[in-house]
Amino acid sequence: MICSQKSYEMVTRPGNVVYGIRCTTGQESPLFFADPTSAERVVELFNRCQLSPNQFLDALRDAVYENFCSR
């Protein structure tokens, strides 16, 4: 995992479709969405490492956390 401490939560739409990530650190909990840099990075990781779907979701969560929640 990229981030050892998970300080975020997934935000889903009906049908359990993930559409964003909310940071859970600090006083505010803003909702962030993956930017193109995150998506490209995770897709590259997915293709190179042949991740399972669950591993892919973990990698996506960590990439977005690293980009937004740790700022």
N, C-alpha and C. Protein backbone atom coordinates (compact mmCIF):
# COMPACT_ATOMS: atom_id res chain seq x y z
N MET A 1 0.83 -1.19 0.00
CA MET A 1 0.00 0.00 0.00
C MET A 1 0.87 1.25 0.00
N ILE A 2 0.40 2.25 -0.68
CA ILE A 2 1.13 3.50 -0.74
C ILE A 2 1.04 4.22 0.60
N CYS A 3 -0.14 4.20 1.21
CA CYS A 3 -0.36 4.89 2.47
C CYS A 3 -0.62 3.87 3.56
N SER A 4 0.14 3.97 4.64
CA SER A 4 -0.03 2.98 5.70
C SER A 4 -1.25 3.28 6.55
N GLN A 5 -1.57 4.57 6.71
CA GLN A 5 -2.73 4.94 7.51
C GLN A 5 -3.81 5.48 6.59
N LYS A 6 -4.98 4.85 6.63
CA LYS A 6 -6.05 5.24 5.73
C LYS A 6 -6.90 6.31 6.40
N SER A 7 -6.73 7.54 5.97
CA SER A 7 -7.46 8.66 6.54
C SER A 7 -8.48 9.19 5.53
N TYR A 8 -9.21 8.28 4.94
CA TYR A 8 -10.20 8.68 3.94
C TYR A 8 -11.28 7.62 3.89
N GLU A 9 -12.37 7.94 3.25
CA GLU A 9 -13.44 6.97 3.07
C GLU A 9 -13.98 7.11 1.66
N MET A 10 -14.46 6.00 1.13
CA MET A 10 -15.03 6.01 -0.20
C MET A 10 -16.43 6.60 -0.13
N VAL A 11 -16.82 7.33 -1.16
CA VAL A 11 -18.17 7.87 -1.28
C VAL A 11 -18.82 7.19 -2.48
N THR A 12 -19.97 6.60 -2.24
CA THR A 12 -20.59 5.81 -3.30
C THR A 12 -21.96 6.35 -3.67
N ARG A 13 -22.37 6.02 -4.87
CA ARG A 13 -23.72 6.31 -5.35
C ARG A 13 -24.55 5.06 -5.13
N PRO A 14 -25.87 5.16 -5.30
CA PRO A 14 -26.70 3.94 -5.24
C PRO A 14 -26.17 2.88 -6.19
N GLY A 15 -26.17 1.64 -5.73
CA GLY A 15 -25.59 0.57 -6.51
C GLY A 15 -24.13 0.35 -6.17
N ASN A 16 -23.66 1.06 -5.12
CA ASN A 16 -22.29 0.90 -4.63
C ASN A 16 -21.26 1.31 -5.68
N VAL A 17 -21.58 2.33 -6.48
CA VAL A 17 -20.65 2.84 -7.47
C VAL A 17 -19.81 3.95 -6.83
N VAL A 18 -18.51 3.74 -6.79
CA VAL A 18 -17.63 4.72 -6.17
C VAL A 18 -17.49 5.93 -7.09
N TYR A 19 -17.70 7.11 -6.55
CA TYR A 19 -17.52 8.31 -7.37
C TYR A 19 -16.62 9.35 -6.71
N GLY A 20 -16.15 9.10 -5.52
CA GLY A 20 -15.27 10.08 -4.90
C GLY A 20 -14.66 9.55 -3.62
N ILE A 21 -13.80 10.37 -3.04
CA ILE A 21 -13.12 10.02 -1.81
C ILE A 21 -13.18 11.22 -0.88
N ARG A 22 -13.55 10.99 0.36
CA ARG A 22 -13.62 12.06 1.35
C ARG A 22 -12.48 11.87 2.35
N CYS A 23 -11.70 12.93 2.54
CA CYS A 23 -10.64 12.87 3.53
C CYS A 23 -11.26 12.95 4.92
N THR A 24 -10.74 12.17 5.85
CA THR A 24 -11.30 12.14 7.19
C THR A 24 -10.32 12.67 8.23
N THR A 25 -9.27 13.35 7.78
CA THR A 25 -8.33 13.96 8.72
C THR A 25 -8.64 15.44 8.85
N GLY A 26 -8.26 16.02 9.97
CA GLY A 26 -8.47 17.44 10.17
C GLY A 26 -9.91 17.76 10.55
N GLN A 27 -10.21 19.05 10.61
CA GLN A 27 -11.53 19.48 11.06
C GLN A 27 -12.58 19.35 9.96
N GLU A 28 -12.16 19.53 8.71
CA GLU A 28 -13.10 19.45 7.60
C GLU A 28 -12.91 18.13 6.88
N SER A 29 -13.94 17.70 6.18
CA SER A 29 -13.87 16.47 5.39
C SER A 29 -14.30 16.77 3.96
N PRO A 30 -13.45 17.43 3.19
CA PRO A 30 -13.83 17.74 1.82
C PRO A 30 -13.88 16.49 0.95
N LEU A 31 -14.69 16.56 -0.08
CA LEU A 31 -14.80 15.44 -1.02
C LEU A 31 -13.92 15.73 -2.22
N PHE A 32 -13.08 14.79 -2.57
CA PHE A 32 -12.20 14.97 -3.71
C PHE A 32 -12.45 13.88 -4.75
N PHE A 33 -12.12 14.19 -5.97
CA PHE A 33 -12.25 13.23 -7.04
C PHE A 33 -10.87 12.98 -7.65
N ALA A 34 -10.70 11.82 -8.22
CA ALA A 34 -9.43 11.49 -8.84
C ALA A 34 -9.17 12.42 -10.02
N ASP A 35 -7.95 12.93 -10.10
CA ASP A 35 -7.59 13.74 -11.26
C ASP A 35 -6.92 12.85 -12.30
N PRO A 36 -6.70 13.37 -13.54
CA PRO A 36 -6.12 12.52 -14.59
C PRO A 36 -4.79 11.91 -14.21
N THR A 37 -3.98 12.65 -13.43
CA THR A 37 -2.68 12.10 -13.02
C THR A 37 -2.86 10.84 -12.20
N SER A 38 -3.81 10.86 -11.28
CA SER A 38 -4.06 9.68 -10.46
C SER A 38 -4.51 8.52 -11.32
N ALA A 39 -5.47 8.80 -12.21
CA ALA A 39 -6.03 7.73 -13.03
C ALA A 39 -4.96 7.09 -13.91
N GLU A 40 -4.16 7.92 -14.55
CA GLU A 40 -3.12 7.38 -15.42
C GLU A 40 -2.13 6.54 -14.63
N ARG A 41 -1.77 7.01 -13.46
CA ARG A 41 -0.81 6.29 -12.63
C ARG A 41 -1.36 4.94 -12.21
N VAL A 42 -2.63 4.92 -11.80
CA VAL A 42 -3.21 3.68 -11.31
C VAL A 42 -3.44 2.70 -12.45
N VAL A 43 -3.86 3.20 -13.62
CA VAL A 43 -4.06 2.31 -14.76
C VAL A 43 -2.73 1.68 -15.17
N GLU A 44 -1.66 2.47 -15.13
CA GLU A 44 -0.34 1.92 -15.44
C GLU A 44 0.03 0.83 -14.44
N LEU A 45 -0.23 1.09 -13.16
CA LEU A 45 0.04 0.09 -12.12
C LEU A 45 -0.78 -1.17 -12.36
N PHE A 46 -2.05 -0.96 -12.70
CA PHE A 46 -2.95 -2.10 -12.95
C PHE A 46 -2.42 -2.95 -14.09
N ASN A 47 -2.01 -2.30 -15.18
CA ASN A 47 -1.54 -3.03 -16.35
C ASN A 47 -0.21 -3.73 -16.09
N ARG A 48 0.70 -3.06 -15.42
CA ARG A 48 2.03 -3.64 -15.20
C ARG A 48 1.99 -4.78 -14.19
N CYS A 49 1.21 -4.61 -13.14
CA CYS A 49 1.23 -5.58 -12.05
C CYS A 49 0.13 -6.63 -12.17
N GLN A 50 -0.77 -6.47 -13.14
CA GLN A 50 -1.89 -7.39 -13.33
C GLN A 50 -2.63 -7.60 -12.01
N LEU A 51 -3.08 -6.49 -11.45
CA LEU A 51 -3.76 -6.53 -10.16
C LEU A 51 -5.15 -7.13 -10.29
N SER A 52 -5.61 -7.72 -9.20
CA SER A 52 -7.00 -8.16 -9.14
C SER A 52 -7.89 -6.93 -9.00
N PRO A 53 -9.19 -7.06 -9.25
CA PRO A 53 -10.08 -5.90 -9.09
C PRO A 53 -9.99 -5.26 -7.71
N ASN A 54 -9.93 -6.07 -6.65
CA ASN A 54 -9.84 -5.49 -5.30
C ASN A 54 -8.51 -4.78 -5.09
N GLN A 55 -7.43 -5.35 -5.59
CA GLN A 55 -6.13 -4.70 -5.47
C GLN A 55 -6.12 -3.39 -6.26
N PHE A 56 -6.80 -3.40 -7.40
CA PHE A 56 -6.88 -2.19 -8.22
C PHE A 56 -7.60 -1.08 -7.47
N LEU A 57 -8.70 -1.42 -6.81
CA LEU A 57 -9.44 -0.41 -6.04
C LEU A 57 -8.60 0.11 -4.88
N ASP A 58 -7.85 -0.79 -4.22
CA ASP A 58 -6.96 -0.35 -3.14
C ASP A 58 -5.92 0.64 -3.67
N ALA A 59 -5.35 0.33 -4.83
CA ALA A 59 -4.33 1.20 -5.41
C ALA A 59 -4.92 2.55 -5.79
N LEU A 60 -6.14 2.54 -6.31
CA LEU A 60 -6.79 3.79 -6.68
C LEU A 60 -7.06 4.64 -5.45
N ARG A 61 -7.57 4.01 -4.39
CA ARG A 61 -7.82 4.75 -3.15
C ARG A 61 -6.54 5.37 -2.62
N ASP A 62 -5.46 4.58 -2.62
CA ASP A 62 -4.20 5.09 -2.08
C ASP A 62 -3.64 6.22 -2.93
N ALA A 63 -3.76 6.10 -4.25
CA ALA A 63 -3.23 7.15 -5.13
C ALA A 63 -3.97 8.45 -4.92
N VAL A 64 -5.28 8.38 -4.78
CA VAL A 64 -6.06 9.60 -4.58
C VAL A 64 -5.79 10.17 -3.20
N TYR A 65 -5.68 9.29 -2.21
CA TYR A 65 -5.35 9.76 -0.85
C TYR A 65 -4.01 10.51 -0.87
N GLU A 66 -3.04 9.91 -1.53
CA GLU A 66 -1.70 10.51 -1.55
C GLU A 66 -1.73 11.88 -2.23
N ASN A 67 -2.53 12.01 -3.29
CA ASN A 67 -2.58 13.26 -4.04
C ASN A 67 -3.31 14.37 -3.30
N PHE A 68 -4.38 14.02 -2.59
CA PHE A 68 -5.26 15.06 -2.07
C PHE A 68 -5.25 15.15 -0.55
N CYS A 69 -5.35 14.04 0.13
CA CYS A 69 -5.57 14.07 1.57
C CYS A 69 -4.32 14.45 2.34
N SER A 70 -3.16 14.27 1.76
CA SER A 70 -1.92 14.54 2.49
C SER A 70 -1.39 15.94 2.20
N ARG A 71 -2.11 16.74 1.45
CA ARG A 71 -1.66 18.09 1.14
C ARG A 71 -1.79 18.99 2.35
